[in-house]
Amino acid sequence: MNTRVPKVRRRKRILVGCAAAAMLALSGCRATADLVSYDLPAQSARYTFETTTNGATTVWNYTSAKPAKNDAPEHNPCLGTVLGDNMAACRPEPLIFLRYDLDLAVDNTAKAGDTHEIKITGYYQERLGTLPKVTSLKTEVSFDGGTTWRHTSVEKDGKNTFTTEIKHPKREQAAKGVALRINATDSEGNTVKQTLPTAYKLR
């Protein structure tokens, strides 16, 4: 079976570095300030990107297409433009990021044996022009360090925002704290799976 190598027509993409605290192990990757850039083939394709930061693992699956010249706003120009070594068009990847409102006490704990509500919001890099909508979000919780997981009910609570209720066990039944696993999908078919091994502890 013959496989054709795509014509060498490269494009520049940028990604906010805080989404990849671990440096990208990608060919041609460069980093400066809060930005990481890398080259991708010109044709649209599906990609998987995974990072682990402070024990939390995040896996993105997304579709990356050739950027138009106006995909990077003037106040957030392409990295190559900033460095003066590449004037090719660029744009951020359409990665879904997750923001948590865990509603914890000042010591970052929640009450054991109680029903606890948390709020999760999906968002994107500010450099991304046309924003998809987060259409679905599923949550799982573990009280034994990730050995077993159980689904929790989720309700939509505004644009890209969802709430879920977690029934906490007794404190001694969750000695390792509360672990969360979130799966979200947007209107363009991009997905994110994020696992927080210890989102918070019980008191």
N, C-alpha and C. Protein backbone atom coordinates (compact mmCIF):
# COMPACT_ATOMS: atom_id res chain seq x y z
N MET A 1 0.85 -1.19 0.00
CA MET A 1 0.00 0.00 0.00
C MET A 1 0.88 1.24 0.00
N ASN A 2 0.66 2.10 -0.97
CA ASN A 2 1.46 3.32 -1.06
C ASN A 2 0.77 4.45 -0.33
N THR A 3 1.54 5.19 0.42
CA THR A 3 0.99 6.37 1.09
C THR A 3 1.72 7.59 0.58
N ARG A 4 0.99 8.58 0.20
CA ARG A 4 1.57 9.80 -0.34
C ARG A 4 1.86 10.78 0.78
N VAL A 5 3.01 11.33 0.75
CA VAL A 5 3.37 12.36 1.71
C VAL A 5 2.77 13.67 1.23
N PRO A 6 2.05 14.41 2.09
CA PRO A 6 1.45 15.67 1.66
C PRO A 6 2.50 16.62 1.13
N LYS A 7 2.08 17.40 0.14
CA LYS A 7 2.96 18.40 -0.42
C LYS A 7 3.43 19.33 0.71
N VAL A 8 4.67 19.74 0.65
CA VAL A 8 5.22 20.55 1.74
C VAL A 8 4.62 21.94 1.66
N ARG A 9 3.52 22.06 2.32
CA ARG A 9 2.84 23.35 2.41
C ARG A 9 2.48 23.49 3.87
N ARG A 10 3.31 24.17 4.59
CA ARG A 10 3.20 24.20 6.03
C ARG A 10 2.48 25.45 6.52
N ARG A 11 1.91 25.36 7.68
CA ARG A 11 1.25 26.51 8.27
C ARG A 11 1.57 26.59 9.74
N LYS A 12 1.51 27.75 10.25
CA LYS A 12 1.88 27.99 11.64
C LYS A 12 0.64 28.05 12.51
N ARG A 13 0.70 27.39 13.65
CA ARG A 13 -0.39 27.42 14.60
C ARG A 13 0.16 27.85 15.95
N ILE A 14 -0.66 28.42 16.77
CA ILE A 14 -0.18 28.81 18.09
C ILE A 14 -1.09 28.26 19.17
N LEU A 15 -0.52 28.08 20.32
CA LEU A 15 -1.26 27.49 21.44
C LEU A 15 -0.80 28.15 22.72
N VAL A 16 -1.74 28.61 23.52
CA VAL A 16 -1.38 29.24 24.79
C VAL A 16 -0.61 28.24 25.65
N GLY A 17 0.54 28.68 26.14
CA GLY A 17 1.44 27.78 26.84
C GLY A 17 0.86 27.23 28.13
N CYS A 18 -0.05 27.95 28.78
CA CYS A 18 -0.58 27.44 30.04
C CYS A 18 -1.40 26.18 29.83
N ALA A 19 -1.82 25.91 28.60
CA ALA A 19 -2.54 24.68 28.31
C ALA A 19 -1.58 23.53 28.16
N ALA A 20 -0.31 23.82 28.08
CA ALA A 20 0.70 22.77 27.89
C ALA A 20 1.89 23.06 28.77
N ALA A 21 1.68 22.98 30.07
CA ALA A 21 2.76 23.28 30.99
C ALA A 21 3.93 22.34 30.75
N ALA A 22 3.62 21.11 30.41
CA ALA A 22 4.68 20.20 29.97
C ALA A 22 5.00 20.57 28.53
N MET A 23 6.26 20.72 28.19
CA MET A 23 6.65 21.14 26.84
C MET A 23 6.19 20.11 25.82
N LEU A 24 5.77 20.60 24.67
CA LEU A 24 5.28 19.73 23.62
C LEU A 24 6.41 18.94 23.00
N ALA A 25 6.20 17.65 22.89
CA ALA A 25 7.20 16.81 22.22
C ALA A 25 6.82 16.69 20.76
N LEU A 26 6.88 17.81 20.06
CA LEU A 26 6.49 17.85 18.66
C LEU A 26 7.65 18.38 17.83
N SER A 27 7.79 17.85 16.65
CA SER A 27 8.86 18.28 15.78
C SER A 27 8.69 19.75 15.42
N GLY A 28 9.75 20.50 15.56
CA GLY A 28 9.71 21.91 15.20
C GLY A 28 9.07 22.79 16.23
N CYS A 29 8.82 22.26 17.42
CA CYS A 29 8.16 23.05 18.46
C CYS A 29 9.09 24.13 18.98
N ARG A 30 8.56 25.34 19.16
CA ARG A 30 9.32 26.44 19.74
C ARG A 30 8.45 27.09 20.80
N ALA A 31 9.08 27.70 21.77
CA ALA A 31 8.34 28.37 22.84
C ALA A 31 8.98 29.70 23.16
N THR A 32 8.14 30.68 23.49
CA THR A 32 8.63 31.96 23.96
C THR A 32 7.52 32.62 24.76
N ALA A 33 7.87 33.26 25.86
CA ALA A 33 6.88 33.91 26.74
C ALA A 33 5.79 32.90 27.09
N ASP A 34 4.50 33.24 26.79
CA ASP A 34 3.42 32.32 27.13
C ASP A 34 2.92 31.56 25.91
N LEU A 35 3.71 31.51 24.85
CA LEU A 35 3.26 30.89 23.62
C LEU A 35 4.10 29.70 23.23
N VAL A 36 3.46 28.72 22.60
CA VAL A 36 4.14 27.60 21.97
C VAL A 36 3.63 27.52 20.55
N SER A 37 4.53 27.31 19.58
CA SER A 37 4.09 27.21 18.19
C SER A 37 4.65 25.95 17.56
N TYR A 38 3.95 25.45 16.55
CA TYR A 38 4.42 24.28 15.82
C TYR A 38 3.77 24.26 14.45
N ASP A 39 4.36 23.48 13.55
CA ASP A 39 3.87 23.38 12.18
C ASP A 39 3.00 22.15 12.01
N LEU A 40 1.93 22.30 11.21
CA LEU A 40 1.05 21.19 10.87
C LEU A 40 0.87 21.16 9.37
N PRO A 41 0.50 20.00 8.81
CA PRO A 41 0.21 19.94 7.37
C PRO A 41 -0.93 20.89 7.01
N ALA A 42 -0.97 21.29 5.74
CA ALA A 42 -1.95 22.29 5.30
C ALA A 42 -3.38 21.77 5.30
N GLN A 43 -3.58 20.48 5.01
CA GLN A 43 -4.94 19.95 4.90
C GLN A 43 -5.57 19.74 6.27
N SER A 44 -6.90 19.77 6.30
CA SER A 44 -7.63 19.56 7.54
C SER A 44 -7.41 18.13 8.02
N ALA A 45 -7.22 17.97 9.34
CA ALA A 45 -6.99 16.64 9.90
C ALA A 45 -7.43 16.62 11.35
N ARG A 46 -7.54 15.41 11.88
CA ARG A 46 -7.93 15.21 13.27
C ARG A 46 -6.67 14.96 14.10
N TYR A 47 -6.59 15.63 15.27
CA TYR A 47 -5.40 15.52 16.11
C TYR A 47 -5.79 15.18 17.54
N THR A 48 -4.83 14.57 18.25
CA THR A 48 -4.96 14.32 19.68
C THR A 48 -3.78 14.98 20.38
N PHE A 49 -4.07 15.69 21.45
CA PHE A 49 -3.04 16.40 22.20
C PHE A 49 -3.27 16.11 23.68
N GLU A 50 -2.22 15.67 24.38
CA GLU A 50 -2.36 15.26 25.78
C GLU A 50 -1.31 15.94 26.65
N THR A 51 -1.72 16.42 27.81
CA THR A 51 -0.79 16.99 28.77
C THR A 51 -1.10 16.46 30.17
N THR A 52 -0.08 16.48 31.02
CA THR A 52 -0.26 16.17 32.44
C THR A 52 0.40 17.29 33.23
N THR A 53 -0.37 17.97 34.06
CA THR A 53 0.11 19.10 34.84
C THR A 53 -0.35 18.96 36.28
N ASN A 54 0.61 18.92 37.20
CA ASN A 54 0.29 18.77 38.63
C ASN A 54 -0.63 17.59 38.89
N GLY A 55 -0.41 16.50 38.17
CA GLY A 55 -1.20 15.29 38.36
C GLY A 55 -2.48 15.23 37.55
N ALA A 56 -2.95 16.37 37.04
CA ALA A 56 -4.17 16.40 36.24
C ALA A 56 -3.84 16.08 34.79
N THR A 57 -4.59 15.15 34.21
CA THR A 57 -4.37 14.74 32.82
C THR A 57 -5.49 15.28 31.94
N THR A 58 -5.10 15.88 30.81
CA THR A 58 -6.07 16.41 29.87
C THR A 58 -5.77 15.87 28.48
N VAL A 59 -6.80 15.35 27.81
CA VAL A 59 -6.66 14.83 26.46
C VAL A 59 -7.66 15.54 25.56
N TRP A 60 -7.14 16.22 24.53
CA TRP A 60 -7.99 16.89 23.55
C TRP A 60 -8.00 16.11 22.25
N ASN A 61 -9.16 16.03 21.61
CA ASN A 61 -9.29 15.57 20.23
C ASN A 61 -9.98 16.69 19.46
N TYR A 62 -9.34 17.13 18.39
CA TYR A 62 -9.87 18.31 17.69
C TYR A 62 -9.50 18.26 16.22
N THR A 63 -10.24 19.02 15.43
CA THR A 63 -9.98 19.14 13.99
C THR A 63 -9.25 20.43 13.73
N SER A 64 -8.14 20.34 13.02
CA SER A 64 -7.33 21.51 12.71
C SER A 64 -7.34 21.73 11.21
N ALA A 65 -7.70 22.92 10.80
CA ALA A 65 -7.77 23.26 9.38
C ALA A 65 -6.82 24.40 9.06
N LYS A 66 -6.53 24.59 7.78
CA LYS A 66 -5.62 25.65 7.36
C LYS A 66 -6.21 27.00 7.76
N PRO A 67 -5.43 27.85 8.40
CA PRO A 67 -5.96 29.14 8.84
C PRO A 67 -6.06 30.15 7.71
N ALA A 68 -7.03 31.04 7.85
CA ALA A 68 -7.10 32.20 6.95
C ALA A 68 -6.19 33.28 7.50
N LYS A 69 -5.83 34.23 6.69
CA LYS A 69 -4.87 35.25 7.13
C LYS A 69 -5.42 36.13 8.25
N ASN A 70 -6.74 36.20 8.37
CA ASN A 70 -7.31 37.05 9.42
C ASN A 70 -7.67 36.27 10.68
N ASP A 71 -7.19 35.03 10.81
CA ASP A 71 -7.53 34.23 11.97
C ASP A 71 -6.84 34.71 13.25
N ALA A 72 -5.73 35.40 13.12
CA ALA A 72 -5.02 35.92 14.30
C ALA A 72 -5.30 37.41 14.43
N PRO A 73 -5.96 37.84 15.52
CA PRO A 73 -6.27 39.26 15.69
C PRO A 73 -5.01 40.10 15.86
N GLU A 74 -5.13 41.38 15.54
CA GLU A 74 -3.96 42.26 15.59
C GLU A 74 -3.35 42.35 16.98
N HIS A 75 -4.19 42.31 18.03
CA HIS A 75 -3.65 42.43 19.39
C HIS A 75 -3.03 41.14 19.89
N ASN A 76 -3.22 40.04 19.14
CA ASN A 76 -2.57 38.76 19.46
C ASN A 76 -1.99 38.18 18.18
N PRO A 77 -0.92 38.73 17.67
CA PRO A 77 -0.38 38.30 16.38
C PRO A 77 0.27 36.93 16.45
N CYS A 78 0.59 36.38 15.28
CA CYS A 78 1.26 35.10 15.18
C CYS A 78 2.65 35.19 15.81
N LEU A 79 3.10 34.07 16.36
CA LEU A 79 4.42 34.05 16.99
C LEU A 79 5.52 34.37 15.99
N GLY A 80 5.38 33.85 14.76
CA GLY A 80 6.39 34.14 13.74
C GLY A 80 6.45 35.61 13.40
N THR A 81 5.29 36.28 13.46
CA THR A 81 5.26 37.72 13.20
C THR A 81 5.99 38.47 14.31
N VAL A 82 5.77 38.03 15.55
CA VAL A 82 6.42 38.66 16.69
C VAL A 82 7.93 38.51 16.60
N LEU A 83 8.38 37.30 16.25
CA LEU A 83 9.81 37.03 16.17
C LEU A 83 10.42 37.53 14.88
N GLY A 84 9.58 37.81 13.88
CA GLY A 84 10.06 38.32 12.61
C GLY A 84 10.68 37.27 11.70
N ASP A 85 10.41 35.96 11.98
CA ASP A 85 11.03 34.93 11.16
C ASP A 85 10.04 34.11 10.35
N ASN A 86 8.75 34.43 10.46
CA ASN A 86 7.75 33.68 9.70
C ASN A 86 6.48 34.53 9.62
N MET A 87 6.10 34.90 8.41
CA MET A 87 4.93 35.75 8.23
C MET A 87 3.71 34.95 7.77
N ALA A 88 3.78 33.62 7.88
CA ALA A 88 2.66 32.79 7.47
C ALA A 88 1.46 33.00 8.40
N ALA A 89 0.27 32.71 7.88
CA ALA A 89 -0.94 32.84 8.68
C ALA A 89 -0.92 31.82 9.82
N CYS A 90 -1.57 32.16 10.92
CA CYS A 90 -1.65 31.25 12.05
C CYS A 90 -2.99 31.43 12.75
N ARG A 91 -3.28 30.53 13.68
CA ARG A 91 -4.48 30.62 14.50
C ARG A 91 -4.32 29.66 15.66
N PRO A 92 -5.07 29.85 16.75
CA PRO A 92 -5.01 28.89 17.86
C PRO A 92 -5.73 27.60 17.48
N GLU A 93 -5.45 26.54 18.20
CA GLU A 93 -6.20 25.31 18.04
C GLU A 93 -7.53 25.45 18.79
N PRO A 94 -8.59 24.81 18.30
CA PRO A 94 -9.91 24.92 18.94
C PRO A 94 -10.03 23.98 20.14
N LEU A 95 -9.20 24.19 21.14
CA LEU A 95 -9.20 23.33 22.32
C LEU A 95 -10.23 23.82 23.34
N ILE A 96 -10.97 22.88 23.93
CA ILE A 96 -11.91 23.22 24.99
C ILE A 96 -11.17 23.20 26.31
N PHE A 97 -11.18 24.32 27.03
CA PHE A 97 -10.61 24.39 28.37
C PHE A 97 -11.76 24.35 29.38
N LEU A 98 -11.46 23.89 30.59
CA LEU A 98 -12.49 23.76 31.61
C LEU A 98 -12.15 24.60 32.83
N ARG A 99 -13.16 25.35 33.29
CA ARG A 99 -13.03 26.17 34.50
C ARG A 99 -13.99 25.62 35.54
N TYR A 100 -13.50 25.46 36.77
CA TYR A 100 -14.30 24.83 37.82
C TYR A 100 -14.65 25.83 38.92
N ASP A 101 -15.90 25.81 39.33
CA ASP A 101 -16.34 26.49 40.55
C ASP A 101 -16.75 25.38 41.50
N LEU A 102 -15.83 25.00 42.40
CA LEU A 102 -16.06 23.86 43.28
C LEU A 102 -16.79 24.23 44.56
N ASP A 103 -16.97 25.53 44.80
CA ASP A 103 -17.73 26.01 45.95
C ASP A 103 -17.20 25.40 47.26
N LEU A 104 -15.89 25.55 47.48
CA LEU A 104 -15.24 24.95 48.65
C LEU A 104 -15.11 25.96 49.78
N ALA A 105 -14.83 25.44 50.97
CA ALA A 105 -14.55 26.28 52.13
C ALA A 105 -13.15 26.89 51.98
N VAL A 106 -12.78 27.75 52.92
CA VAL A 106 -11.49 28.44 52.82
C VAL A 106 -10.31 27.47 52.88
N ASP A 107 -10.51 26.28 53.43
CA ASP A 107 -9.44 25.29 53.48
C ASP A 107 -9.52 24.31 52.31
N ASN A 108 -10.29 24.70 51.27
CA ASN A 108 -10.43 23.89 50.05
C ASN A 108 -11.02 22.51 50.31
N THR A 109 -11.97 22.45 51.21
CA THR A 109 -12.66 21.19 51.49
C THR A 109 -14.17 21.38 51.31
N ALA A 110 -14.86 20.25 51.22
CA ALA A 110 -16.33 20.25 51.19
C ALA A 110 -16.81 19.31 52.28
N LYS A 111 -18.07 19.45 52.67
CA LYS A 111 -18.62 18.70 53.79
C LYS A 111 -18.88 17.24 53.41
N ALA A 112 -18.39 16.33 54.23
CA ALA A 112 -18.64 14.90 54.02
C ALA A 112 -20.09 14.57 54.32
N GLY A 113 -20.61 13.53 53.67
CA GLY A 113 -21.97 13.08 53.92
C GLY A 113 -23.04 14.03 53.45
N ASP A 114 -22.69 14.94 52.56
CA ASP A 114 -23.63 15.96 52.11
C ASP A 114 -23.67 15.96 50.59
N THR A 115 -24.73 16.54 50.03
CA THR A 115 -24.82 16.72 48.58
C THR A 115 -24.17 18.05 48.21
N HIS A 116 -23.26 18.00 47.29
CA HIS A 116 -22.45 19.17 46.96
C HIS A 116 -22.60 19.49 45.47
N GLU A 117 -22.80 20.76 45.14
CA GLU A 117 -22.97 21.18 43.75
C GLU A 117 -21.71 21.89 43.26
N ILE A 118 -21.26 21.51 42.08
CA ILE A 118 -20.14 22.20 41.45
C ILE A 118 -20.56 22.68 40.07
N LYS A 119 -19.87 23.70 39.58
CA LYS A 119 -20.18 24.28 38.28
C LYS A 119 -18.94 24.19 37.40
N ILE A 120 -19.15 23.79 36.14
CA ILE A 120 -18.04 23.63 35.19
C ILE A 120 -18.37 24.42 33.93
N THR A 121 -17.42 25.23 33.49
CA THR A 121 -17.60 26.07 32.30
C THR A 121 -16.53 25.75 31.27
N GLY A 122 -16.96 25.55 30.03
CA GLY A 122 -16.03 25.35 28.93
C GLY A 122 -15.71 26.69 28.28
N TYR A 123 -14.45 26.87 27.91
CA TYR A 123 -14.07 28.12 27.24
C TYR A 123 -12.91 27.86 26.29
N TYR A 124 -12.55 28.89 25.51
CA TYR A 124 -11.53 28.76 24.48
C TYR A 124 -10.50 29.87 24.61
N GLN A 125 -9.40 29.71 23.90
CA GLN A 125 -8.38 30.74 23.89
C GLN A 125 -8.95 32.03 23.28
N GLU A 126 -8.52 33.16 23.83
CA GLU A 126 -9.04 34.44 23.35
C GLU A 126 -8.62 34.73 21.92
N ARG A 127 -7.56 34.07 21.45
CA ARG A 127 -7.10 34.30 20.09
C ARG A 127 -7.98 33.61 19.05
N LEU A 128 -8.84 32.69 19.49
CA LEU A 128 -9.70 31.97 18.55
C LEU A 128 -10.85 32.87 18.13
N GLY A 129 -11.01 33.04 16.81
CA GLY A 129 -11.99 33.99 16.29
C GLY A 129 -13.43 33.54 16.49
N THR A 130 -13.86 32.53 15.74
CA THR A 130 -15.23 32.01 15.82
C THR A 130 -15.27 30.91 16.86
N LEU A 131 -16.03 31.12 17.93
CA LEU A 131 -16.06 30.18 19.04
C LEU A 131 -17.16 29.14 18.87
N PRO A 132 -16.83 27.85 18.98
CA PRO A 132 -17.87 26.82 19.00
C PRO A 132 -18.66 26.92 20.30
N LYS A 133 -19.71 26.11 20.42
CA LYS A 133 -20.48 26.02 21.65
C LYS A 133 -20.26 24.64 22.28
N VAL A 134 -20.08 24.61 23.59
CA VAL A 134 -19.97 23.34 24.29
C VAL A 134 -21.38 22.77 24.40
N THR A 135 -21.60 21.66 23.72
CA THR A 135 -22.96 21.13 23.60
C THR A 135 -23.28 20.05 24.64
N SER A 136 -22.25 19.36 25.13
CA SER A 136 -22.53 18.32 26.13
C SER A 136 -21.35 18.19 27.08
N LEU A 137 -21.66 17.80 28.31
CA LEU A 137 -20.63 17.61 29.32
C LEU A 137 -21.08 16.47 30.24
N LYS A 138 -20.18 15.54 30.49
CA LYS A 138 -20.46 14.41 31.38
C LYS A 138 -19.44 14.42 32.51
N THR A 139 -19.90 14.10 33.70
CA THR A 139 -19.00 14.08 34.86
C THR A 139 -19.03 12.71 35.53
N GLU A 140 -17.87 12.31 36.03
CA GLU A 140 -17.74 11.10 36.83
C GLU A 140 -16.97 11.46 38.10
N VAL A 141 -17.24 10.74 39.17
CA VAL A 141 -16.61 11.01 40.44
C VAL A 141 -16.05 9.71 41.02
N SER A 142 -14.93 9.82 41.73
CA SER A 142 -14.33 8.67 42.39
C SER A 142 -13.94 9.05 43.81
N PHE A 143 -14.18 8.15 44.75
CA PHE A 143 -13.82 8.39 46.14
C PHE A 143 -12.71 7.44 46.62
N ASP A 144 -12.16 6.64 45.69
CA ASP A 144 -11.12 5.67 46.07
C ASP A 144 -9.85 5.84 45.24
N GLY A 145 -9.54 7.08 44.89
CA GLY A 145 -8.32 7.34 44.16
C GLY A 145 -8.36 6.97 42.69
N GLY A 146 -9.55 6.85 42.12
CA GLY A 146 -9.68 6.55 40.69
C GLY A 146 -9.81 5.09 40.36
N THR A 147 -9.95 4.22 41.38
CA THR A 147 -10.14 2.79 41.11
C THR A 147 -11.52 2.53 40.52
N THR A 148 -12.53 3.16 41.09
CA THR A 148 -13.89 3.03 40.56
C THR A 148 -14.47 4.42 40.34
N TRP A 149 -15.32 4.52 39.31
CA TRP A 149 -15.93 5.80 38.95
C TRP A 149 -17.44 5.63 38.84
N ARG A 150 -18.16 6.69 39.15
CA ARG A 150 -19.62 6.68 38.99
C ARG A 150 -20.05 8.00 38.35
N HIS A 151 -21.05 7.90 37.47
CA HIS A 151 -21.56 9.10 36.79
C HIS A 151 -22.41 9.93 37.74
N THR A 152 -22.40 11.22 37.53
CA THR A 152 -23.28 12.13 38.27
C THR A 152 -24.19 12.84 37.28
N SER A 153 -25.34 13.26 37.75
CA SER A 153 -26.28 13.95 36.87
C SER A 153 -25.77 15.35 36.55
N VAL A 154 -26.01 15.79 35.33
CA VAL A 154 -25.52 17.10 34.86
C VAL A 154 -26.68 17.88 34.26
N GLU A 155 -26.73 19.17 34.56
CA GLU A 155 -27.72 20.06 33.96
C GLU A 155 -27.02 21.27 33.35
N LYS A 156 -27.52 21.71 32.20
CA LYS A 156 -26.95 22.89 31.57
C LYS A 156 -27.38 24.12 32.35
N ASP A 157 -26.43 25.05 32.53
CA ASP A 157 -26.69 26.22 33.37
C ASP A 157 -26.12 27.47 32.70
N GLY A 158 -26.63 27.75 31.51
CA GLY A 158 -26.15 28.91 30.77
C GLY A 158 -25.18 28.51 29.67
N LYS A 159 -24.66 29.49 28.96
CA LYS A 159 -23.78 29.26 27.82
C LYS A 159 -22.50 28.55 28.27
N ASN A 160 -22.28 27.35 27.71
CA ASN A 160 -21.06 26.58 27.95
C ASN A 160 -20.86 26.22 29.43
N THR A 161 -21.90 26.35 30.24
CA THR A 161 -21.77 26.12 31.67
C THR A 161 -22.73 25.01 32.11
N PHE A 162 -22.24 24.14 32.99
CA PHE A 162 -23.02 23.00 33.45
C PHE A 162 -22.84 22.85 34.97
N THR A 163 -23.86 22.31 35.62
CA THR A 163 -23.76 22.03 37.05
C THR A 163 -24.01 20.55 37.29
N THR A 164 -23.37 20.02 38.33
CA THR A 164 -23.57 18.63 38.71
C THR A 164 -23.61 18.53 40.22
N GLU A 165 -24.36 17.59 40.73
CA GLU A 165 -24.45 17.37 42.17
C GLU A 165 -23.74 16.06 42.53
N ILE A 166 -22.92 16.14 43.56
CA ILE A 166 -22.15 14.99 44.02
C ILE A 166 -22.58 14.64 45.43
N LYS A 167 -22.98 13.39 45.64
CA LYS A 167 -23.33 12.93 46.98
C LYS A 167 -22.07 12.42 47.66
N HIS A 168 -21.59 13.16 48.65
CA HIS A 168 -20.37 12.80 49.34
C HIS A 168 -20.59 11.66 50.34
N PRO A 169 -19.65 10.74 50.43
CA PRO A 169 -19.72 9.71 51.47
C PRO A 169 -19.16 10.27 52.78
N LYS A 170 -19.05 9.42 53.76
CA LYS A 170 -18.38 9.83 54.99
C LYS A 170 -16.90 10.09 54.70
N ARG A 171 -16.28 10.90 55.54
CA ARG A 171 -14.90 11.31 55.29
C ARG A 171 -13.96 10.11 55.19
N GLU A 172 -14.13 9.13 56.07
CA GLU A 172 -13.23 7.97 56.07
C GLU A 172 -13.42 7.10 54.83
N GLN A 173 -14.54 7.28 54.13
CA GLN A 173 -14.77 6.52 52.91
C GLN A 173 -14.19 7.20 51.67
N ALA A 174 -13.61 8.37 51.88
CA ALA A 174 -12.96 9.10 50.78
C ALA A 174 -11.65 9.69 51.30
N ALA A 175 -10.82 8.80 51.85
CA ALA A 175 -9.58 9.25 52.48
C ALA A 175 -8.65 9.93 51.48
N LYS A 176 -8.74 9.56 50.20
CA LYS A 176 -7.88 10.15 49.18
C LYS A 176 -8.51 11.39 48.54
N GLY A 177 -9.66 11.79 49.04
CA GLY A 177 -10.33 12.96 48.49
C GLY A 177 -11.29 12.59 47.37
N VAL A 178 -11.77 13.62 46.68
CA VAL A 178 -12.73 13.45 45.60
C VAL A 178 -12.02 13.66 44.27
N ALA A 179 -12.08 12.66 43.41
CA ALA A 179 -11.51 12.75 42.07
C ALA A 179 -12.63 13.03 41.07
N LEU A 180 -12.32 13.83 40.05
CA LEU A 180 -13.30 14.15 39.01
C LEU A 180 -12.76 13.77 37.64
N ARG A 181 -13.66 13.31 36.80
CA ARG A 181 -13.32 13.05 35.39
C ARG A 181 -14.42 13.67 34.53
N ILE A 182 -14.01 14.57 33.65
CA ILE A 182 -14.96 15.35 32.85
C ILE A 182 -14.74 15.07 31.37
N ASN A 183 -15.84 14.85 30.65
CA ASN A 183 -15.81 14.71 29.19
C ASN A 183 -16.73 15.75 28.59
N ALA A 184 -16.20 16.58 27.70
CA ALA A 184 -17.01 17.63 27.07
C ALA A 184 -16.84 17.58 25.56
N THR A 185 -17.90 17.96 24.84
CA THR A 185 -17.92 17.99 23.38
C THR A 185 -18.51 19.30 22.92
N ASP A 186 -17.98 19.87 21.83
CA ASP A 186 -18.55 21.12 21.33
C ASP A 186 -19.24 20.93 19.99
N SER A 187 -19.79 22.02 19.45
CA SER A 187 -20.60 21.98 18.24
C SER A 187 -19.80 21.62 16.99
N GLU A 188 -18.49 21.64 17.07
CA GLU A 188 -17.65 21.28 15.93
C GLU A 188 -17.03 19.89 16.09
N GLY A 189 -17.47 19.16 17.11
CA GLY A 189 -16.98 17.81 17.31
C GLY A 189 -15.68 17.71 18.06
N ASN A 190 -15.15 18.83 18.55
CA ASN A 190 -13.95 18.80 19.37
C ASN A 190 -14.30 18.28 20.76
N THR A 191 -13.39 17.55 21.38
CA THR A 191 -13.66 16.98 22.69
C THR A 191 -12.50 17.22 23.65
N VAL A 192 -12.80 17.14 24.94
CA VAL A 192 -11.77 17.18 25.97
C VAL A 192 -12.15 16.19 27.06
N LYS A 193 -11.15 15.49 27.57
CA LYS A 193 -11.33 14.60 28.71
C LYS A 193 -10.30 15.00 29.75
N GLN A 194 -10.76 15.43 30.91
CA GLN A 194 -9.85 15.90 31.96
C GLN A 194 -10.09 15.11 33.24
N THR A 195 -8.99 14.62 33.82
CA THR A 195 -9.06 13.85 35.05
C THR A 195 -8.30 14.58 36.15
N LEU A 196 -8.99 14.90 37.23
CA LEU A 196 -8.40 15.54 38.40
C LEU A 196 -8.32 14.50 39.51
N PRO A 197 -7.15 13.92 39.79
CA PRO A 197 -7.06 12.82 40.76
C PRO A 197 -7.47 13.20 42.16
N THR A 198 -7.24 14.48 42.56
CA THR A 198 -7.74 14.98 43.83
C THR A 198 -8.25 16.39 43.62
N ALA A 199 -9.53 16.49 43.26
CA ALA A 199 -10.11 17.81 43.02
C ALA A 199 -10.25 18.58 44.34
N TYR A 200 -10.63 17.84 45.41
CA TYR A 200 -10.74 18.46 46.74
C TYR A 200 -10.87 17.35 47.78
N LYS A 201 -10.74 17.73 49.03
CA LYS A 201 -10.84 16.80 50.15
C LYS A 201 -12.16 17.04 50.91
N LEU A 202 -12.55 16.08 51.74
CA LEU A 202 -13.74 16.20 52.57
C LEU A 202 -13.36 16.49 54.01
N ARG A 203 -14.25 17.16 54.71
CA ARG A 203 -14.00 17.50 56.12
C ARG A 203 -15.12 16.94 57.00
